[in-house]
Amino acid sequence: MTRHVEQAMGTVFSFDVRHDADEAVARAVAWLHHVEEVFSTYRPDSAISRLARGEVGLTGCPPEVAHVLALCAQVELDTDGYFATCPGGRLDPSGLVKGWAVEEASLLLTEAGAPRHCLNGGGDIQLGPEPGPWRIAVADPLRPDTLRTVVTGHDLAIATSGNAERGPHILNPHTGRPAGELLSITLIGPRLTTVDAFATAAYAMGDDARDWVEKRDDLEAFAVTNGGHTWQTTGFAAYTDLAP
C-alpha cells in the first residue's frame, strides 16, 4: 500500500494506492508538477501565460496545450457555453486542467500495474478501474462536518462545484454575474477531465443543470439548493449507499 500527499497547482493532491507503488506514485507526482509548470496562470513564465500574452503561438507550446484547449472547446460546446475557456476575456483553461491532470495521473498508475487507487485533487476524485474500499462522502455545503450522501464504486470520477468554501467565484458566462441558484452540485461519471469541467458548468446553470444532466448517458448529479433542499438525477441512486 502506498499513500502520499502532494501540494501542487495551489491545492492538495492525495494518493491512496492499494499496491506497493512508490515509483509509480513518484512519476504521477512529477506529472502533476509538470502540468503546473505548463498551465499555471499565476506563473508568468508558464506556456499558458505566454500564450495568453501573445508571446508564443500554439506551435511554441508543449503539445499538451493544444490538446487541453481542444478539450476545453468541446466542453464549451457540450455545455452550451456554460463552461468558458476565456472567463472574463482572458485565456484560462484552469476549469479543466486539474481534472485532466488527475485523470492522467490515474492512467499512469494503472499502466504501472496499480489499478486499485483513489486520487483526490482538491476534492475532485478519480477512482481506479479495480474495486477498492471506496466510499466518497459528499458534505453539506453549509455544514462541512455533516454528510449529505456517500458515493461508492470504482472506475469512476466524482467532482463537486460550489461557492461554500471560496465564496461567489463561479460566474455564469451568459450573464457575467456570479452563479448562485445552487449551494453545490456533485457530478459523477467515468472521466474526471470532463466530470470536473462539467461540474463547474452545471453549477453555473443552476437548477437547469438537472435537465441537462438527465439528457447525458455518462453523467449523474446530486445538488443542494439555496433553500437547503436536494435533488438528484434518475440514475444517481445506483452509486450511493446512503439516502440523501
C-alpha atoms as a PDB file:
ATOM      1  CA  MET A   1       0.000   0.000   0.000  1.00  0.00           C
ATOM      2  CA  THR A   2       1.243   3.478  -0.884  1.00  0.00           C
ATOM      3  CA  ARG A   3      -0.159   6.736   0.434  1.00  0.00           C
ATOM      4  CA  HIS A   4       1.153  10.161  -0.444  1.00  0.00           C
ATOM      5  CA  VAL A   5       0.085  13.810  -0.148  1.00  0.00           C
ATOM      6  CA  GLU A   6       1.472  16.462  -2.505  1.00  0.00           C
ATOM      7  CA  GLN A   7       0.914  20.192  -2.898  1.00  0.00           C
ATOM      8  CA  ALA A   8       0.661  21.412  -6.474  1.00  0.00           C
ATOM      9  CA  MET A   9      -1.472  23.770  -8.570  1.00  0.00           C
ATOM     10  CA  GLY A  10      -2.473  25.688  -5.458  1.00  0.00           C
ATOM     11  CA  THR A  11      -4.200  22.698  -3.863  1.00  0.00           C
ATOM     12  CA  VAL A  12      -3.517  19.344  -2.202  1.00  0.00           C
ATOM     13  CA  PHE A  13      -3.412  16.021  -4.043  1.00  0.00           C
ATOM     14  CA  SER A  14      -3.713  12.774  -2.116  1.00  0.00           C
ATOM     15  CA  PHE A  15      -2.864   9.284  -3.363  1.00  0.00           C
ATOM     16  CA  ASP A  16      -4.379   6.168  -1.774  1.00  0.00           C
ATOM     17  CA  VAL A  17      -2.937   3.236  -3.725  1.00  0.00           C
ATOM     18  CA  ARG A  18      -3.670  -0.341  -2.635  1.00  0.00           C
ATOM     19  CA  HIS A  19      -0.394  -1.601  -4.121  1.00  0.00           C
ATOM     20  CA  ASP A  20       3.277  -1.080  -3.361  1.00  0.00           C
ATOM     21  CA  ALA A  21       3.704   1.627  -5.983  1.00  0.00           C
ATOM     22  CA  ASP A  22       6.230   4.180  -4.747  1.00  0.00           C
ATOM     23  CA  GLU A  23       7.884   4.581  -8.165  1.00  0.00           C
ATOM     24  CA  ALA A  24       4.570   4.917  -9.987  1.00  0.00           C
ATOM     25  CA  VAL A  25       3.333   7.499  -7.490  1.00  0.00           C
ATOM     26  CA  ALA A  26       6.596   9.434  -7.885  1.00  0.00           C
ATOM     27  CA  ARG A  27       6.044   9.542 -11.662  1.00  0.00           C
ATOM     28  CA  ALA A  28       2.454  10.691 -11.161  1.00  0.00           C
ATOM     29  CA  VAL A  29       3.615  13.426  -8.772  1.00  0.00           C
ATOM     30  CA  ALA A  30       6.232  14.580 -11.291  1.00  0.00           C
ATOM     31  CA  TRP A  31       3.469  14.726 -13.887  1.00  0.00           C
ATOM     32  CA  LEU A  32       1.345  16.999 -11.673  1.00  0.00           C
ATOM     33  CA  HIS A  33       4.232  19.424 -11.215  1.00  0.00           C
ATOM     34  CA  HIS A  34       4.869  19.397 -14.967  1.00  0.00           C
ATOM     35  CA  VAL A  35       1.222  20.316 -15.566  1.00  0.00           C
ATOM     36  CA  GLU A  36       1.571  23.178 -13.098  1.00  0.00           C
ATOM     37  CA  GLU A  37       4.670  24.470 -14.886  1.00  0.00           C
ATOM     38  CA  VAL A  38       2.861  24.435 -18.223  1.00  0.00           C
ATOM     39  CA  PHE A  39      -0.629  25.625 -17.254  1.00  0.00           C
ATOM     40  CA  SER A  40      -0.335  27.833 -14.164  1.00  0.00           C
ATOM     41  CA  THR A  41      -1.900  31.223 -14.860  1.00  0.00           C
ATOM     42  CA  TYR A  42      -0.034  32.554 -11.800  1.00  0.00           C
ATOM     43  CA  ARG A  43       3.400  31.841 -13.285  1.00  0.00           C
ATOM     44  CA  PRO A  44       4.394  34.454 -15.859  1.00  0.00           C
ATOM     45  CA  ASP A  45       6.826  32.000 -17.464  1.00  0.00           C
ATOM     46  CA  SER A  46       4.279  29.190 -17.971  1.00  0.00           C
ATOM     47  CA  ALA A  47       3.355  28.251 -21.506  1.00  0.00           C
ATOM     48  CA  ILE A  48      -0.284  29.186 -20.969  1.00  0.00           C
ATOM     49  CA  SER A  49       0.654  32.638 -19.610  1.00  0.00           C
ATOM     50  CA  ARG A  50       2.991  33.292 -22.519  1.00  0.00           C
ATOM     51  CA  LEU A  51       0.325  32.118 -24.972  1.00  0.00           C
ATOM     52  CA  ALA A  52      -2.257  34.407 -23.343  1.00  0.00           C
ATOM     53  CA  ARG A  53       0.106  37.377 -23.744  1.00  0.00           C
ATOM     54  CA  GLY A  54       0.730  36.513 -27.397  1.00  0.00           C
ATOM     55  CA  GLU A  55       4.443  35.869 -26.863  1.00  0.00           C
ATOM     56  CA  VAL A  56       4.184  32.391 -28.392  1.00  0.00           C
ATOM     57  CA  GLY A  57       1.749  30.521 -30.589  1.00  0.00           C
ATOM     58  CA  LEU A  58       0.444  27.002 -30.070  1.00  0.00           C
ATOM     59  CA  THR A  59       3.379  25.586 -32.039  1.00  0.00           C
ATOM     60  CA  GLY A  60       5.714  27.169 -29.498  1.00  0.00           C
ATOM     61  CA  CYS A  61       3.975  25.458 -26.569  1.00  0.00           C
ATOM     62  CA  PRO A  62       4.249  21.873 -25.319  1.00  0.00           C
ATOM     63  CA  PRO A  63       1.841  19.632 -27.281  1.00  0.00           C
ATOM     64  CA  GLU A  64      -0.443  19.142 -24.297  1.00  0.00           C
ATOM     65  CA  VAL A  65      -1.509  22.795 -24.526  1.00  0.00           C
ATOM     66  CA  ALA A  66      -3.223  22.276 -27.878  1.00  0.00           C
ATOM     67  CA  HIS A  67      -4.741  19.046 -26.551  1.00  0.00           C
ATOM     68  CA  VAL A  68      -6.190  20.733 -23.464  1.00  0.00           C
ATOM     69  CA  LEU A  69      -7.542  23.687 -25.427  1.00  0.00           C
ATOM     70  CA  ALA A  70      -9.267  21.262 -27.806  1.00  0.00           C
ATOM     71  CA  LEU A  71     -10.839  19.517 -24.810  1.00  0.00           C
ATOM     72  CA  CYS A  72     -11.962  22.897 -23.454  1.00  0.00           C
ATOM     73  CA  ALA A  73     -13.543  23.808 -26.777  1.00  0.00           C
ATOM     74  CA  GLN A  74     -15.521  20.551 -26.775  1.00  0.00           C
ATOM     75  CA  VAL A  75     -16.711  21.069 -23.187  1.00  0.00           C
ATOM     76  CA  GLU A  76     -17.730  24.634 -24.039  1.00  0.00           C
ATOM     77  CA  LEU A  77     -19.797  23.234 -26.914  1.00  0.00           C
ATOM     78  CA  ASP A  78     -21.274  20.403 -24.831  1.00  0.00           C
ATOM     79  CA  THR A  79     -22.382  22.815 -22.079  1.00  0.00           C
ATOM     80  CA  ASP A  80     -23.906  25.448 -24.369  1.00  0.00           C
ATOM     81  CA  GLY A  81     -21.237  27.913 -23.303  1.00  0.00           C
ATOM     82  CA  TYR A  82     -21.655  27.499 -19.543  1.00  0.00           C
ATOM     83  CA  PHE A  83     -18.019  26.415 -19.443  1.00  0.00           C
ATOM     84  CA  ALA A  84     -15.682  29.204 -20.559  1.00  0.00           C
ATOM     85  CA  THR A  85     -12.101  28.788 -21.765  1.00  0.00           C
ATOM     86  CA  CYS A  86     -11.602  32.539 -21.572  1.00  0.00           C
ATOM     87  CA  PRO A  87     -13.515  33.703 -18.471  1.00  0.00           C
ATOM     88  CA  GLY A  88     -13.505  37.465 -18.309  1.00  0.00           C
ATOM     89  CA  GLY A  89     -11.894  37.551 -21.743  1.00  0.00           C
ATOM     90  CA  ARG A  90      -8.561  36.052 -20.624  1.00  0.00           C
ATOM     91  CA  LEU A  91      -7.295  32.624 -21.642  1.00  0.00           C
ATOM     92  CA  ASP A  92      -7.615  30.367 -18.599  1.00  0.00           C
ATOM     93  CA  PRO A  93      -8.300  26.625 -19.013  1.00  0.00           C
ATOM     94  CA  SER A  94      -7.939  26.016 -15.263  1.00  0.00           C
ATOM     95  CA  GLY A  95     -11.520  24.770 -15.038  1.00  0.00           C
ATOM     96  CA  LEU A  96     -10.470  21.657 -16.946  1.00  0.00           C
ATOM     97  CA  VAL A  97      -6.750  21.294 -16.252  1.00  0.00           C
ATOM     98  CA  LYS A  98      -6.889  19.905 -12.711  1.00  0.00           C
ATOM     99  CA  GLY A  99      -9.376  17.170 -13.563  1.00  0.00           C
ATOM    100  CA  TRP A 100      -7.398  16.257 -16.665  1.00  0.00           C
ATOM    101  CA  ALA A 101      -4.153  16.136 -14.691  1.00  0.00           C
ATOM    102  CA  VAL A 102      -5.656  13.818 -12.061  1.00  0.00           C
ATOM    103  CA  GLU A 103      -7.196  11.542 -14.682  1.00  0.00           C
ATOM    104  CA  GLU A 104      -3.854  11.270 -16.496  1.00  0.00           C
ATOM    105  CA  ALA A 105      -2.116  10.524 -13.185  1.00  0.00           C
ATOM    106  CA  SER A 106      -4.663   7.755 -12.598  1.00  0.00           C
ATOM    107  CA  LEU A 107      -3.858   6.288 -16.018  1.00  0.00           C
ATOM    108  CA  LEU A 108      -0.145   6.370 -15.167  1.00  0.00           C
ATOM    109  CA  LEU A 109      -0.804   4.337 -12.029  1.00  0.00           C
ATOM    110  CA  THR A 110      -2.995   1.837 -13.858  1.00  0.00           C
ATOM    111  CA  GLU A 111      -0.428   1.357 -16.624  1.00  0.00           C
ATOM    112  CA  ALA A 112       2.232   0.797 -13.947  1.00  0.00           C
ATOM    113  CA  GLY A 113       0.224  -2.100 -12.505  1.00  0.00           C
ATOM    114  CA  ALA A 114      -1.542  -0.235  -9.688  1.00  0.00           C
ATOM    115  CA  PRO A 115      -5.221  -0.123 -10.721  1.00  0.00           C
ATOM    116  CA  ARG A 116      -6.666  -0.100  -7.182  1.00  0.00           C
ATOM    117  CA  HIS A 117      -6.326   3.549  -6.278  1.00  0.00           C
ATOM    118  CA  CYS A 118      -8.140   6.704  -5.279  1.00  0.00           C
ATOM    119  CA  LEU A 119      -6.688  10.043  -6.409  1.00  0.00           C
ATOM    120  CA  ASN A 120      -8.063  13.193  -4.837  1.00  0.00           C
ATOM    121  CA  GLY A 121      -7.175  16.588  -6.272  1.00  0.00           C
ATOM    122  CA  GLY A 122      -8.619  19.339  -4.100  1.00  0.00           C
ATOM    123  CA  GLY A 123     -11.804  17.341  -3.507  1.00  0.00           C
ATOM    124  CA  ASP A 124     -12.229  16.080  -7.070  1.00  0.00           C
ATOM    125  CA  ILE A 125     -11.672  12.349  -7.290  1.00  0.00           C
ATOM    126  CA  GLN A 126     -10.732   9.666  -9.800  1.00  0.00           C
ATOM    127  CA  LEU A 127     -11.198   6.059  -8.709  1.00  0.00           C
ATOM    128  CA  GLY A 128      -9.113   3.399 -10.438  1.00  0.00           C
ATOM    129  CA  PRO A 129     -10.562   0.592 -12.563  1.00  0.00           C
ATOM    130  CA  GLU A 130     -10.409  -2.123  -9.897  1.00  0.00           C
ATOM    131  CA  PRO A 131     -12.742  -2.243  -6.866  1.00  0.00           C
ATOM    132  CA  GLY A 132     -11.484  -0.896  -3.579  1.00  0.00           C
ATOM    133  CA  PRO A 133     -12.966   0.136  -0.240  1.00  0.00           C
ATOM    134  CA  TRP A 134     -14.006   3.451  -1.746  1.00  0.00           C
ATOM    135  CA  ARG A 135     -16.793   5.427  -0.067  1.00  0.00           C
ATOM    136  CA  ILE A 136     -16.681   9.088  -1.062  1.00  0.00           C
ATOM    137  CA  ALA A 137     -18.507  11.475   1.251  1.00  0.00           C
ATOM    138  CA  VAL A 138     -20.433  14.429  -0.165  1.00  0.00           C
ATOM    139  CA  ALA A 139     -20.577  17.065   2.572  1.00  0.00           C
ATOM    140  CA  ASP A 140     -23.286  19.579   3.305  1.00  0.00           C
ATOM    141  CA  PRO A 141     -22.013  22.851   1.762  1.00  0.00           C
ATOM    142  CA  LEU A 142     -23.038  24.847   4.851  1.00  0.00           C
ATOM    143  CA  ARG A 143     -22.007  22.242   7.444  1.00  0.00           C
ATOM    144  CA  PRO A 144     -18.870  20.526   6.145  1.00  0.00           C
ATOM    145  CA  ASP A 145     -18.868  18.057   9.049  1.00  0.00           C
ATOM    146  CA  THR A 146     -22.305  16.750   8.008  1.00  0.00           C
ATOM    147  CA  LEU A 147     -22.794  14.225   5.195  1.00  0.00           C
ATOM    148  CA  ARG A 148     -25.437  14.687   2.540  1.00  0.00           C
ATOM    149  CA  THR A 149     -24.726  11.430   0.707  1.00  0.00           C
ATOM    150  CA  VAL A 150     -21.975   8.884   0.030  1.00  0.00           C
ATOM    151  CA  VAL A 151     -20.833   7.719  -3.404  1.00  0.00           C
ATOM    152  CA  THR A 152     -19.462   4.211  -3.837  1.00  0.00           C
ATOM    153  CA  GLY A 153     -17.899   2.430  -6.794  1.00  0.00           C
ATOM    154  CA  HIS A 154     -14.762   2.161  -8.910  1.00  0.00           C
ATOM    155  CA  ASP A 155     -13.641   3.276 -12.370  1.00  0.00           C
ATOM    156  CA  LEU A 156     -15.468   6.467 -11.541  1.00  0.00           C
ATOM    157  CA  ALA A 157     -14.932  10.226 -11.245  1.00  0.00           C
ATOM    158  CA  ILE A 158     -16.602  12.488  -8.682  1.00  0.00           C
ATOM    159  CA  ALA A 159     -16.450  16.297  -8.722  1.00  0.00           C
ATOM    160  CA  THR A 160     -18.269  18.910  -6.631  1.00  0.00           C
ATOM    161  CA  SER A 161     -18.660  22.558  -7.522  1.00  0.00           C
ATOM    162  CA  GLY A 162     -19.997  25.358  -5.331  1.00  0.00           C
ATOM    163  CA  ASN A 163     -19.297  28.618  -3.529  1.00  0.00           C
ATOM    164  CA  ALA A 164     -19.328  27.448   0.085  1.00  0.00           C
ATOM    165  CA  GLU A 165     -15.555  27.470   0.628  1.00  0.00           C
ATOM    166  CA  ARG A 166     -14.356  30.239  -1.696  1.00  0.00           C
ATOM    167  CA  GLY A 167     -17.388  32.491  -1.874  1.00  0.00           C
ATOM    168  CA  PRO A 168     -19.038  33.541  -5.152  1.00  0.00           C
ATOM    169  CA  HIS A 169     -16.211  32.837  -7.605  1.00  0.00           C
ATOM    170  CA  ILE A 170     -18.068  30.892 -10.326  1.00  0.00           C
ATOM    171  CA  LEU A 171     -19.577  33.159 -12.958  1.00  0.00           C
ATOM    172  CA  ASN A 172     -22.450  32.456 -15.286  1.00  0.00           C
ATOM    173  CA  PRO A 173     -20.711  33.180 -18.619  1.00  0.00           C
ATOM    174  CA  HIS A 174     -24.010  34.214 -20.201  1.00  0.00           C
ATOM    175  CA  THR A 175     -24.728  36.939 -17.645  1.00  0.00           C
ATOM    176  CA  GLY A 176     -21.259  37.758 -16.311  1.00  0.00           C
ATOM    177  CA  ARG A 177     -22.676  37.547 -12.777  1.00  0.00           C
ATOM    178  CA  PRO A 178     -21.857  35.033 -10.023  1.00  0.00           C
ATOM    179  CA  ALA A 179     -23.923  31.869 -10.174  1.00  0.00           C
ATOM    180  CA  GLY A 180     -25.996  31.292  -7.054  1.00  0.00           C
ATOM    181  CA  GLU A 181     -29.110  29.162  -7.570  1.00  0.00           C
ATOM    182  CA  LEU A 182     -27.361  26.156  -6.005  1.00  0.00           C
ATOM    183  CA  LEU A 183     -25.184  25.783  -2.934  1.00  0.00           C
ATOM    184  CA  SER A 184     -23.348  22.869  -4.512  1.00  0.00           C
ATOM    185  CA  ILE A 185     -23.617  20.240  -7.219  1.00  0.00           C
ATOM    186  CA  THR A 186     -21.796  16.915  -7.376  1.00  0.00           C
ATOM    187  CA  LEU A 187     -21.382  15.093 -10.680  1.00  0.00           C
ATOM    188  CA  ILE A 188     -20.300  11.501 -11.205  1.00  0.00           C
ATOM    189  CA  GLY A 189     -19.161   9.930 -14.440  1.00  0.00           C
ATOM    190  CA  PRO A 190     -16.307   7.893 -15.914  1.00  0.00           C
ATOM    191  CA  ARG A 191     -13.632  10.527 -16.556  1.00  0.00           C
ATOM    192  CA  LEU A 192     -12.549  13.360 -14.276  1.00  0.00           C
ATOM    193  CA  THR A 193     -11.402  15.543 -17.196  1.00  0.00           C
ATOM    194  CA  THR A 194     -14.974  16.146 -18.271  1.00  0.00           C
ATOM    195  CA  VAL A 195     -16.734  15.488 -14.951  1.00  0.00           C
ATOM    196  CA  ASP A 196     -14.763  18.268 -13.220  1.00  0.00           C
ATOM    197  CA  ALA A 197     -15.311  20.768 -16.034  1.00  0.00           C
ATOM    198  CA  PHE A 198     -18.964  19.782 -16.365  1.00  0.00           C
ATOM    199  CA  ALA A 199     -19.456  20.299 -12.612  1.00  0.00           C
ATOM    200  CA  THR A 200     -18.345  23.921 -12.921  1.00  0.00           C
ATOM    201  CA  ALA A 201     -20.656  24.437 -15.878  1.00  0.00           C
ATOM    202  CA  ALA A 202     -23.557  22.685 -14.126  1.00  0.00           C
ATOM    203  CA  TYR A 203     -23.179  24.947 -11.096  1.00  0.00           C
ATOM    204  CA  ALA A 204     -23.387  27.978 -13.388  1.00  0.00           C
ATOM    205  CA  MET A 205     -26.567  26.522 -14.953  1.00  0.00           C
ATOM    206  CA  GLY A 206     -28.313  26.357 -11.567  1.00  0.00           C
ATOM    207  CA  ASP A 207     -31.460  24.237 -11.425  1.00  0.00           C
ATOM    208  CA  ASP A 208     -31.404  23.937 -15.225  1.00  0.00           C
ATOM    209  CA  ALA A 209     -28.475  21.568 -14.722  1.00  0.00           C
ATOM    210  CA  ARG A 210     -30.874  18.789 -13.752  1.00  0.00           C
ATOM    211  CA  ASP A 211     -32.435  18.551 -17.213  1.00  0.00           C
ATOM    212  CA  TRP A 212     -29.038  18.960 -18.884  1.00  0.00           C
ATOM    213  CA  VAL A 213     -27.514  16.070 -16.911  1.00  0.00           C
ATOM    214  CA  GLU A 214     -30.586  13.854 -17.438  1.00  0.00           C
ATOM    215  CA  LYS A 215     -30.040  14.118 -21.194  1.00  0.00           C
ATOM    216  CA  ARG A 216     -26.498  12.731 -20.897  1.00  0.00           C
ATOM    217  CA  ASP A 217     -25.922   8.985 -20.590  1.00  0.00           C
ATOM    218  CA  ASP A 218     -22.496   9.436 -18.973  1.00  0.00           C
ATOM    219  CA  LEU A 219     -23.395  11.687 -16.009  1.00  0.00           C
ATOM    220  CA  GLU A 220     -25.428  11.722 -12.811  1.00  0.00           C
ATOM    221  CA  ALA A 221     -25.884  14.607 -10.396  1.00  0.00           C
ATOM    222  CA  PHE A 222     -26.734  15.440  -6.780  1.00  0.00           C
ATOM    223  CA  ALA A 223     -27.408  19.070  -5.846  1.00  0.00           C
ATOM    224  CA  VAL A 224     -28.094  21.139  -2.748  1.00  0.00           C
ATOM    225  CA  THR A 225     -30.251  24.184  -3.444  1.00  0.00           C
ATOM    226  CA  ASN A 226     -30.156  27.590  -1.807  1.00  0.00           C
ATOM    227  CA  GLY A 227     -33.140  26.574   0.276  1.00  0.00           C
ATOM    228  CA  GLY A 228     -31.251  23.603   1.688  1.00  0.00           C
ATOM    229  CA  HIS A 229     -33.242  21.059  -0.294  1.00  0.00           C
ATOM    230  CA  THR A 230     -31.651  18.403  -2.503  1.00  0.00           C
ATOM    231  CA  TRP A 231     -32.358  16.894  -5.883  1.00  0.00           C
ATOM    232  CA  GLN A 232     -30.697  14.100  -7.786  1.00  0.00           C
ATOM    233  CA  THR A 233     -30.889  12.713 -11.288  1.00  0.00           C
ATOM    234  CA  THR A 234     -32.599   9.438 -12.086  1.00  0.00           C
ATOM    235  CA  GLY A 235     -29.533   7.192 -12.022  1.00  0.00           C
ATOM    236  CA  PHE A 236     -27.692   8.743  -9.103  1.00  0.00           C
ATOM    237  CA  ALA A 237     -29.056   6.282  -6.527  1.00  0.00           C
ATOM    238  CA  ALA A 238     -27.159   3.442  -8.210  1.00  0.00           C
ATOM    239  CA  TYR A 239     -23.901   4.996  -6.976  1.00  0.00           C
ATOM    240  CA  THR A 240     -24.811   5.699  -3.367  1.00  0.00           C
ATOM    241  CA  ASP A 241     -25.436   3.620  -0.275  1.00  0.00           C
ATOM    242  CA  LEU A 242     -26.765   6.447   1.872  1.00  0.00           C
ATOM    243  CA  ALA A 243     -30.102   8.121   1.270  1.00  0.00           C
ATOM    244  CA  PRO A 244     -29.880  11.897   0.730  1.00  0.00           C
END
